[in-house]
Amino acid sequence: MSTLETLKAREAEVVDEFEFFDEWMDRYEHIIAQGKSLPAADAAIKTDDNLIRGCQSKVWITAEKRDGLVYFTADSDAIITRGLVALLLRVCNGLEPEVLAKADFEFLTAIGLTEHLSPTRANGLQSMMKQMRLYGVAFQAVN
């Protein structure tokens, strides 16, 4: 399976999960549960260089390339934002840089998330997605 197929399969899995919930409060609870399952990041990544600009809460994202694939480490000081970052990592970890650079994150629209977030959270989510794509672009140039 290519990493593009992996990306699409992971996105479909998340969409299927969220279709199970009828109410948005239940969906938020699921997002919070995703955040609670995210392993705590080492304090060493919580630097200004890894801080995502444009987020209301603090979010740190860093990445490394191993065996041709991109792996993220991330954390946030806010529970819902931590859940959002956990969803992004769940979908994007272990992808080829080329696939990551072109990721459209359509699953977020499919689950209705983009229309249910406050404007400041939506801006923060856009900033997280942009940074993850930029890592994909940057790692394309690194052997």
C-alpha atoms as a PDB file:
ATOM      1  CA  MET A   1       0.000   0.000   0.000  1.00  0.00           C
ATOM      2  CA  SER A   2       1.376   3.422  -0.946  1.00  0.00           C
ATOM      3  CA  THR A   3       1.433   6.149   1.661  1.00  0.00           C
ATOM      4  CA  LEU A   4      -1.225   8.031  -0.361  1.00  0.00           C
ATOM      5  CA  GLU A   5      -3.485   4.979   0.023  1.00  0.00           C
ATOM      6  CA  THR A   6      -2.549   4.851   3.706  1.00  0.00           C
ATOM      7  CA  LEU A   7      -3.520   8.513   4.091  1.00  0.00           C
ATOM      8  CA  LYS A   8      -6.897   7.966   2.408  1.00  0.00           C
ATOM      9  CA  ALA A   9      -7.582   4.833   4.489  1.00  0.00           C
ATOM     10  CA  ARG A  10      -6.779   6.659   7.730  1.00  0.00           C
ATOM     11  CA  GLU A  11      -8.972   9.590   6.742  1.00  0.00           C
ATOM     12  CA  ALA A  12     -11.854   7.223   5.933  1.00  0.00           C
ATOM     13  CA  GLU A  13     -11.399   5.520   9.315  1.00  0.00           C
ATOM     14  CA  VAL A  14     -11.705   8.847  11.145  1.00  0.00           C
ATOM     15  CA  VAL A  15     -14.788   9.815   9.107  1.00  0.00           C
ATOM     16  CA  ASP A  16     -16.403   6.454   9.925  1.00  0.00           C
ATOM     17  CA  GLU A  17     -15.692   6.968  13.637  1.00  0.00           C
ATOM     18  CA  PHE A  18     -17.285  10.403  13.678  1.00  0.00           C
ATOM     19  CA  GLU A  19     -20.370   9.235  11.772  1.00  0.00           C
ATOM     20  CA  PHE A  20     -21.152   7.111  14.811  1.00  0.00           C
ATOM     21  CA  PHE A  21     -21.906  10.283  16.817  1.00  0.00           C
ATOM     22  CA  ASP A  22     -25.166  12.149  16.209  1.00  0.00           C
ATOM     23  CA  GLU A  23     -24.525  15.079  18.528  1.00  0.00           C
ATOM     24  CA  TRP A  24     -21.634  17.513  18.341  1.00  0.00           C
ATOM     25  CA  MET A  25     -21.036  17.318  22.060  1.00  0.00           C
ATOM     26  CA  ASP A  26     -20.317  13.601  21.573  1.00  0.00           C
ATOM     27  CA  ARG A  27     -17.915  14.434  18.762  1.00  0.00           C
ATOM     28  CA  TYR A  28     -16.098  16.928  20.994  1.00  0.00           C
ATOM     29  CA  GLU A  29     -15.852  14.248  23.691  1.00  0.00           C
ATOM     30  CA  HIS A  30     -14.285  11.935  21.096  1.00  0.00           C
ATOM     31  CA  ILE A  31     -11.799  14.654  20.119  1.00  0.00           C
ATOM     32  CA  ILE A  32     -10.923  15.138  23.792  1.00  0.00           C
ATOM     33  CA  ALA A  33     -10.429  11.367  24.159  1.00  0.00           C
ATOM     34  CA  GLN A  34      -8.051  11.457  21.177  1.00  0.00           C
ATOM     35  CA  GLY A  35      -6.050  14.158  22.952  1.00  0.00           C
ATOM     36  CA  LYS A  36      -5.885  12.128  26.145  1.00  0.00           C
ATOM     37  CA  SER A  37      -4.456   9.194  24.178  1.00  0.00           C
ATOM     38  CA  LEU A  38      -1.672  11.349  22.717  1.00  0.00           C
ATOM     39  CA  PRO A  39       1.582  10.568  24.521  1.00  0.00           C
ATOM     40  CA  ALA A  40       2.955  13.550  26.418  1.00  0.00           C
ATOM     41  CA  ALA A  41       5.703  15.198  24.439  1.00  0.00           C
ATOM     42  CA  ASP A  42       9.099  15.748  25.951  1.00  0.00           C
ATOM     43  CA  ALA A  43       9.572  19.259  27.297  1.00  0.00           C
ATOM     44  CA  ALA A  44      12.481  19.653  24.854  1.00  0.00           C
ATOM     45  CA  ILE A  45      10.078  20.114  21.920  1.00  0.00           C
ATOM     46  CA  LYS A  46       8.194  22.912  23.672  1.00  0.00           C
ATOM     47  CA  THR A  47      10.327  25.678  22.229  1.00  0.00           C
ATOM     48  CA  ASP A  48       9.474  28.846  20.343  1.00  0.00           C
ATOM     49  CA  ASP A  49      10.845  27.251  17.160  1.00  0.00           C
ATOM     50  CA  ASN A  50       8.202  24.497  17.350  1.00  0.00           C
ATOM     51  CA  LEU A  51       5.346  26.734  18.499  1.00  0.00           C
ATOM     52  CA  ILE A  52       2.543  27.064  15.964  1.00  0.00           C
ATOM     53  CA  ARG A  53       1.723  30.699  15.320  1.00  0.00           C
ATOM     54  CA  GLY A  54      -1.931  31.648  14.928  1.00  0.00           C
ATOM     55  CA  CYS A  55      -3.242  29.295  17.612  1.00  0.00           C
ATOM     56  CA  GLN A  56      -5.173  30.635  20.576  1.00  0.00           C
ATOM     57  CA  SER A  57      -3.659  27.926  22.762  1.00  0.00           C
ATOM     58  CA  LYS A  58      -0.071  26.743  22.696  1.00  0.00           C
ATOM     59  CA  VAL A  59       0.670  23.983  20.193  1.00  0.00           C
ATOM     60  CA  TRP A  60       4.104  22.587  19.448  1.00  0.00           C
ATOM     61  CA  ILE A  61       4.800  20.415  16.421  1.00  0.00           C
ATOM     62  CA  THR A  62       8.093  18.974  15.304  1.00  0.00           C
ATOM     63  CA  ALA A  63       8.942  16.291  12.786  1.00  0.00           C
ATOM     64  CA  GLU A  64      11.713  13.984  11.709  1.00  0.00           C
ATOM     65  CA  LYS A  65      12.315  11.906   8.620  1.00  0.00           C
ATOM     66  CA  ARG A  66      13.116   8.243   9.174  1.00  0.00           C
ATOM     67  CA  ASP A  67      13.452   5.665   6.420  1.00  0.00           C
ATOM     68  CA  GLY A  68      11.968   8.108   3.919  1.00  0.00           C
ATOM     69  CA  LEU A  69       8.832   8.797   5.994  1.00  0.00           C
ATOM     70  CA  VAL A  70       7.823  11.766   8.163  1.00  0.00           C
ATOM     71  CA  TYR A  71       6.982  11.288  11.841  1.00  0.00           C
ATOM     72  CA  PHE A  72       5.568  14.014  14.064  1.00  0.00           C
ATOM     73  CA  THR A  73       5.736  14.768  17.752  1.00  0.00           C
ATOM     74  CA  ALA A  74       3.253  17.305  19.066  1.00  0.00           C
ATOM     75  CA  ASP A  75       1.555  18.601  22.166  1.00  0.00           C
ATOM     76  CA  SER A  76      -0.788  21.352  23.299  1.00  0.00           C
ATOM     77  CA  ASP A  77      -1.734  23.003  26.556  1.00  0.00           C
ATOM     78  CA  ALA A  78      -5.475  22.915  25.711  1.00  0.00           C
ATOM     79  CA  ILE A  79      -7.521  19.731  25.767  1.00  0.00           C
ATOM     80  CA  ILE A  80      -9.547  20.200  22.550  1.00  0.00           C
ATOM     81  CA  THR A  81      -6.531  21.473  20.646  1.00  0.00           C
ATOM     82  CA  ARG A  82      -4.563  18.479  21.904  1.00  0.00           C
ATOM     83  CA  GLY A  83      -7.314  16.275  20.468  1.00  0.00           C
ATOM     84  CA  LEU A  84      -7.164  18.054  17.113  1.00  0.00           C
ATOM     85  CA  VAL A  85      -3.411  17.611  16.961  1.00  0.00           C
ATOM     86  CA  ALA A  86      -3.809  13.935  17.907  1.00  0.00           C
ATOM     87  CA  LEU A  87      -6.200  13.443  14.970  1.00  0.00           C
ATOM     88  CA  LEU A  88      -3.750  15.118  12.598  1.00  0.00           C
ATOM     89  CA  LEU A  89      -0.865  12.963  13.820  1.00  0.00           C
ATOM     90  CA  ARG A  90      -2.962   9.820  13.614  1.00  0.00           C
ATOM     91  CA  VAL A  91      -3.669  10.537   9.944  1.00  0.00           C
ATOM     92  CA  CYS A  92      -0.278  11.973   8.917  1.00  0.00           C
ATOM     93  CA  ASN A  93       2.424  10.053  10.793  1.00  0.00           C
ATOM     94  CA  GLY A  94       4.537   7.783   8.618  1.00  0.00           C
ATOM     95  CA  LEU A  95       3.729   9.350   5.253  1.00  0.00           C
ATOM     96  CA  GLU A  96       6.132  10.153   2.446  1.00  0.00           C
ATOM     97  CA  PRO A  97       7.056  13.849   2.340  1.00  0.00           C
ATOM     98  CA  GLU A  98       5.489  14.223  -1.133  1.00  0.00           C
ATOM     99  CA  VAL A  99       2.142  12.903   0.088  1.00  0.00           C
ATOM    100  CA  LEU A 100       2.244  15.039   3.202  1.00  0.00           C
ATOM    101  CA  ALA A 101       3.101  18.188   1.237  1.00  0.00           C
ATOM    102  CA  LYS A 102      -0.074  17.746  -0.832  1.00  0.00           C
ATOM    103  CA  ALA A 103      -2.396  16.589   1.967  1.00  0.00           C
ATOM    104  CA  ASP A 104      -5.768  18.321   1.724  1.00  0.00           C
ATOM    105  CA  PHE A 105      -7.064  17.239   5.145  1.00  0.00           C
ATOM    106  CA  GLU A 106     -10.533  16.771   3.603  1.00  0.00           C
ATOM    107  CA  PHE A 107     -11.487  14.430   6.428  1.00  0.00           C
ATOM    108  CA  LEU A 108     -11.808  17.460   8.718  1.00  0.00           C
ATOM    109  CA  THR A 109     -14.516  18.909   6.483  1.00  0.00           C
ATOM    110  CA  ALA A 110     -16.137  15.488   6.055  1.00  0.00           C
ATOM    111  CA  ILE A 111     -16.581  15.115   9.816  1.00  0.00           C
ATOM    112  CA  GLY A 112     -18.002  18.647  10.044  1.00  0.00           C
ATOM    113  CA  LEU A 113     -15.172  19.936  12.159  1.00  0.00           C
ATOM    114  CA  THR A 114     -14.378  23.011  10.102  1.00  0.00           C
ATOM    115  CA  GLU A 115     -17.921  24.361  10.525  1.00  0.00           C
ATOM    116  CA  HIS A 116     -18.141  23.657  14.265  1.00  0.00           C
ATOM    117  CA  LEU A 117     -14.917  25.260  15.466  1.00  0.00           C
ATOM    118  CA  SER A 118     -14.691  28.813  16.731  1.00  0.00           C
ATOM    119  CA  PRO A 119     -12.895  31.171  14.325  1.00  0.00           C
ATOM    120  CA  THR A 120      -9.787  31.237  16.537  1.00  0.00           C
ATOM    121  CA  ARG A 121      -9.640  27.417  16.772  1.00  0.00           C
ATOM    122  CA  ALA A 122     -10.249  27.130  13.027  1.00  0.00           C
ATOM    123  CA  ASN A 123      -7.334  29.507  12.381  1.00  0.00           C
ATOM    124  CA  GLY A 124      -5.153  27.461  14.715  1.00  0.00           C
ATOM    125  CA  LEU A 125      -6.125  24.244  12.945  1.00  0.00           C
ATOM    126  CA  GLN A 126      -5.242  25.839   9.586  1.00  0.00           C
ATOM    127  CA  SER A 127      -1.851  26.844  11.011  1.00  0.00           C
ATOM    128  CA  MET A 128      -1.209  23.273  12.219  1.00  0.00           C
ATOM    129  CA  MET A 129      -2.094  21.816   8.811  1.00  0.00           C
ATOM    130  CA  LYS A 130       0.101  24.385   7.045  1.00  0.00           C
ATOM    131  CA  GLN A 131       3.077  23.548   9.278  1.00  0.00           C
ATOM    132  CA  MET A 132       2.653  19.811   8.661  1.00  0.00           C
ATOM    133  CA  ARG A 133       2.552  20.378   4.894  1.00  0.00           C
ATOM    134  CA  LEU A 134       5.659  22.576   5.171  1.00  0.00           C
ATOM    135  CA  TYR A 135       7.496  19.731   6.885  1.00  0.00           C
ATOM    136  CA  GLY A 136       6.537  17.579   3.910  1.00  0.00           C
ATOM    137  CA  VAL A 137       7.934  20.162   1.507  1.00  0.00           C
ATOM    138  CA  ALA A 138      11.131  20.582   3.541  1.00  0.00           C
ATOM    139  CA  PHE A 139      11.738  16.854   3.860  1.00  0.00           C
ATOM    140  CA  GLN A 140      11.395  16.365   0.096  1.00  0.00           C
ATOM    141  CA  ALA A 141      14.704  18.206  -0.219  1.00  0.00           C
ATOM    142  CA  VAL A 142      16.438  16.093   2.442  1.00  0.00           C
ATOM    143  CA  ASN A 143      17.802  12.675   1.488  1.00  0.00           C
END
